[in-house]
Amino acid sequence: MAYVTKVCVLCGKPVRTKTGADRHGPCQVRETQRLARRAARRAAGEPSVCTECRGEINYDAGFSGRCQQCRERLRYIPEPLRRVICPPGSLCVYCGALATCIDHVRPIAAGGDSCAGNLEPSCAPCNLNKNGQTLAQWFCGVDSTEIGRRAARYSISCSEKVAAEWARLAGSEHPSAR
């Protein structure tokens, strides 16, 4: 049997095969894992359409009940708002260092948006360390880091937005009770 060259239907690269396969082995494994994650999420009752535009949700990009286009639209922060939230010389609300980024206090993936009430100045290390975690996950969750635990002590006392979100997540009137 002779080798046949086809194009992988998943990545577009050439596949040299004797069996007539139309995809690479690693591509097939990734696709199988992606479909298994999608099936598990559907079995758990998670919706498969966006709550905003009714488009299909890509479960691989994180689940927020929104499609990729709606998440990207919510992630965008207009330049005038950027200048108001993080003017030159702003300090990070999590550690007090010089702010170079803007953080979503409630992450987009957890239902947050890019309105002024959900944005705070942040330094790059805190913003990257927090990533898409809620404050509860970052401050004291199983994946919390020393940066997150240190940020909890500092930010709850210096930021009303962080204190309000922490109180909402903790379910208490006094956020430092935890």
Protein backbone atom coordinates (compact mmCIF):
# COMPACT_ATOMS: atom_id res chain seq x y z
CA MET A 1 0.00 0.00 0.00
CA ALA A 2 1.37 3.41 -0.95
CA TYR A 3 1.43 6.55 1.15
CA VAL A 4 -1.18 9.20 0.42
CA THR A 5 -0.81 12.87 1.37
CA LYS A 6 -3.94 14.58 2.60
CA VAL A 7 -4.62 17.82 4.47
CA CYS A 8 -5.49 17.56 8.18
CA VAL A 9 -9.11 18.70 8.63
CA LEU A 10 -8.27 20.17 12.05
CA CYS A 11 -4.98 22.05 11.55
CA GLY A 12 -4.59 22.29 7.77
CA LYS A 13 -1.10 20.72 7.67
CA PRO A 14 -0.25 17.82 5.33
CA VAL A 15 -0.85 14.29 6.64
CA ARG A 16 1.12 11.43 5.09
CA THR A 17 -0.86 8.27 5.62
CA LYS A 18 -1.32 4.69 4.44
CA THR A 19 -4.69 4.29 6.14
CA GLY A 20 -6.43 7.30 4.59
CA ALA A 21 -6.62 9.22 7.86
CA ASP A 22 -7.67 12.84 7.41
CA ARG A 23 -6.03 14.23 10.58
CA HIS A 24 -2.86 14.01 12.67
CA GLY A 25 -2.79 11.80 15.77
CA PRO A 26 -2.26 14.76 18.19
CA CYS A 27 -5.01 16.74 16.45
CA GLN A 28 -7.37 13.78 16.84
CA VAL A 29 -6.55 13.49 20.56
CA ARG A 30 -7.21 17.23 21.11
CA GLU A 31 -10.46 17.07 19.17
CA THR A 32 -11.61 14.02 21.15
CA GLN A 33 -10.81 15.80 24.44
CA ARG A 34 -12.62 18.97 23.28
CA LEU A 35 -15.74 17.01 22.33
CA ALA A 36 -15.64 15.12 25.67
CA ARG A 37 -15.48 18.43 27.60
CA ARG A 38 -18.39 19.78 25.56
CA ALA A 39 -20.46 16.64 26.22
CA ALA A 40 -19.69 16.79 29.96
CA ARG A 41 -20.76 20.42 30.16
CA ARG A 42 -23.96 19.74 28.27
CA ALA A 43 -24.66 16.74 30.52
CA ALA A 44 -24.18 19.01 33.54
CA GLY A 45 -26.93 21.25 32.20
CA GLU A 46 -24.80 24.19 31.10
CA PRO A 47 -26.40 26.11 28.23
CA SER A 48 -24.89 25.77 24.76
CA VAL A 49 -26.03 29.18 23.52
CA CYS A 50 -24.88 32.66 24.56
CA THR A 51 -27.08 34.39 27.12
CA GLU A 52 -26.66 37.70 25.26
CA CYS A 53 -26.74 37.04 21.50
CA ARG A 54 -27.92 33.40 21.40
CA GLY A 55 -24.75 32.40 19.47
CA GLU A 56 -23.01 29.06 20.11
CA ILE A 57 -20.71 28.94 23.14
CA ASN A 58 -17.17 27.65 22.67
CA TYR A 59 -16.69 25.73 25.91
CA ASP A 60 -12.92 25.47 25.31
CA ALA A 61 -12.42 29.22 25.80
CA GLY A 62 -13.80 29.16 29.35
CA PHE A 63 -17.41 29.19 30.43
CA SER A 64 -19.22 32.39 31.27
CA GLY A 65 -22.56 31.76 29.56
CA ARG A 66 -21.36 34.00 26.74
CA CYS A 67 -19.93 33.35 23.27
CA GLN A 68 -16.42 34.47 22.27
CA GLN A 69 -17.67 37.62 20.50
CA CYS A 70 -19.67 38.80 23.52
CA ARG A 71 -16.73 38.09 25.87
CA GLU A 72 -14.40 40.11 23.62
CA ARG A 73 -16.91 42.98 23.48
CA LEU A 74 -17.18 42.98 27.27
CA ARG A 75 -13.39 42.82 27.69
CA TYR A 76 -12.82 45.99 25.60
CA ILE A 77 -12.12 49.12 27.67
CA PRO A 78 -12.44 52.44 25.75
CA GLU A 79 -9.43 54.78 25.93
CA PRO A 80 -11.27 57.62 27.78
CA LEU A 81 -12.34 55.14 30.48
CA ARG A 82 -8.77 53.79 30.66
CA ARG A 83 -7.48 57.32 31.39
CA VAL A 84 -10.08 57.78 34.15
CA ILE A 85 -9.49 54.39 35.82
CA CYS A 86 -5.70 54.37 35.54
CA PRO A 87 -4.24 57.89 35.19
CA PRO A 88 -0.43 58.21 35.20
CA GLY A 89 0.95 57.55 38.66
CA SER A 90 -1.95 55.33 39.79
CA LEU A 91 -1.22 52.66 42.37
CA CYS A 92 -2.24 49.01 42.19
CA VAL A 93 -5.28 48.35 44.39
CA TYR A 94 -3.93 44.91 45.28
CA CYS A 95 -0.37 45.73 46.40
CA GLY A 96 0.27 49.48 46.18
CA ALA A 97 2.89 49.26 43.40
CA LEU A 98 2.74 51.50 40.32
CA ALA A 99 -0.28 50.45 38.22
CA THR A 100 0.40 49.47 34.61
CA CYS A 101 -2.82 47.55 33.85
CA ILE A 102 -6.55 47.67 34.46
CA ASP A 103 -8.13 44.70 36.23
CA HIS A 104 -11.72 43.48 36.09
CA VAL A 105 -12.60 43.05 39.80
CA ARG A 106 -15.29 40.54 38.81
CA PRO A 107 -13.77 38.65 35.85
CA ILE A 108 -15.57 38.55 32.50
CA ALA A 109 -15.72 34.75 32.86
CA ALA A 110 -17.59 35.16 36.16
CA GLY A 111 -20.18 37.56 34.74
CA GLY A 112 -18.29 40.85 35.05
CA ASP A 113 -18.07 43.56 32.42
CA SER A 114 -15.95 46.56 31.49
CA CYS A 115 -17.95 49.26 33.26
CA ALA A 116 -16.26 51.76 35.58
CA GLY A 117 -17.74 50.04 38.63
CA ASN A 118 -15.88 46.81 37.84
CA LEU A 119 -12.46 48.19 36.87
CA GLU A 120 -9.50 49.03 39.10
CA PRO A 121 -5.85 49.96 38.40
CA SER A 122 -3.45 47.05 38.85
CA CYS A 123 0.21 46.27 38.41
CA ALA A 124 1.10 43.59 35.85
CA PRO A 125 2.21 40.94 38.41
CA CYS A 126 -1.08 41.16 40.34
CA ASN A 127 -3.21 41.28 37.19
CA LEU A 128 -1.44 38.29 35.63
CA ASN A 129 -1.47 36.35 38.90
CA LYS A 130 -5.19 36.96 39.45
CA ASN A 131 -5.89 36.00 35.83
CA GLY A 132 -9.58 35.03 35.45
CA GLN A 133 -10.15 34.11 39.09
CA THR A 134 -12.77 35.66 41.33
CA LEU A 135 -11.48 37.44 44.43
CA ALA A 136 -12.49 34.48 46.60
CA GLN A 137 -10.50 32.07 44.44
CA TRP A 138 -7.49 34.37 44.30
CA PHE A 139 -7.51 35.40 47.97
CA CYS A 140 -8.16 32.06 49.65
CA GLY A 141 -9.15 29.35 47.13
CA VAL A 142 -7.31 26.09 46.54
CA ASP A 143 -5.27 27.77 43.78
CA SER A 144 -4.53 30.93 45.77
CA THR A 145 -0.98 32.21 45.80
CA GLU A 146 1.06 34.27 48.23
CA ILE A 147 0.47 37.30 45.99
CA GLY A 148 -3.29 36.73 46.26
CA ARG A 149 -3.24 36.30 50.03
CA ARG A 150 -1.12 39.44 50.45
CA ALA A 151 -3.48 41.32 48.07
CA ALA A 152 -6.47 40.35 50.22
CA ARG A 153 -5.08 42.14 53.26
CA TYR A 154 -4.16 45.28 51.32
CA SER A 155 -6.94 45.70 48.75
CA ILE A 156 -10.01 45.19 50.96
CA SER A 157 -8.92 48.14 53.08
CA CYS A 158 -8.01 50.50 50.21
CA SER A 159 -10.62 49.80 47.49
CA GLU A 160 -14.37 50.13 47.93
CA LYS A 161 -14.99 48.13 44.73
CA VAL A 162 -12.83 45.23 45.91
CA ALA A 163 -14.38 45.34 49.41
CA ALA A 164 -17.91 45.32 47.95
CA GLU A 165 -17.16 42.39 45.62
CA TRP A 166 -15.46 40.49 48.46
CA ALA A 167 -18.49 41.08 50.72
CA ARG A 168 -20.80 39.86 47.93
CA LEU A 169 -18.73 36.70 47.45
CA ALA A 170 -18.21 36.08 51.18
CA GLY A 171 -21.87 36.75 51.97
CA SER A 172 -21.08 38.93 54.95
CA GLU A 173 -21.48 42.57 55.89
CA HIS A 174 -17.89 42.86 57.10
CA PRO A 175 -15.41 41.59 54.45
CA SER A 176 -12.50 41.23 56.85
CA ALA A 177 -14.51 38.69 58.89
CA ARG A 178 -12.97 35.86 56.84
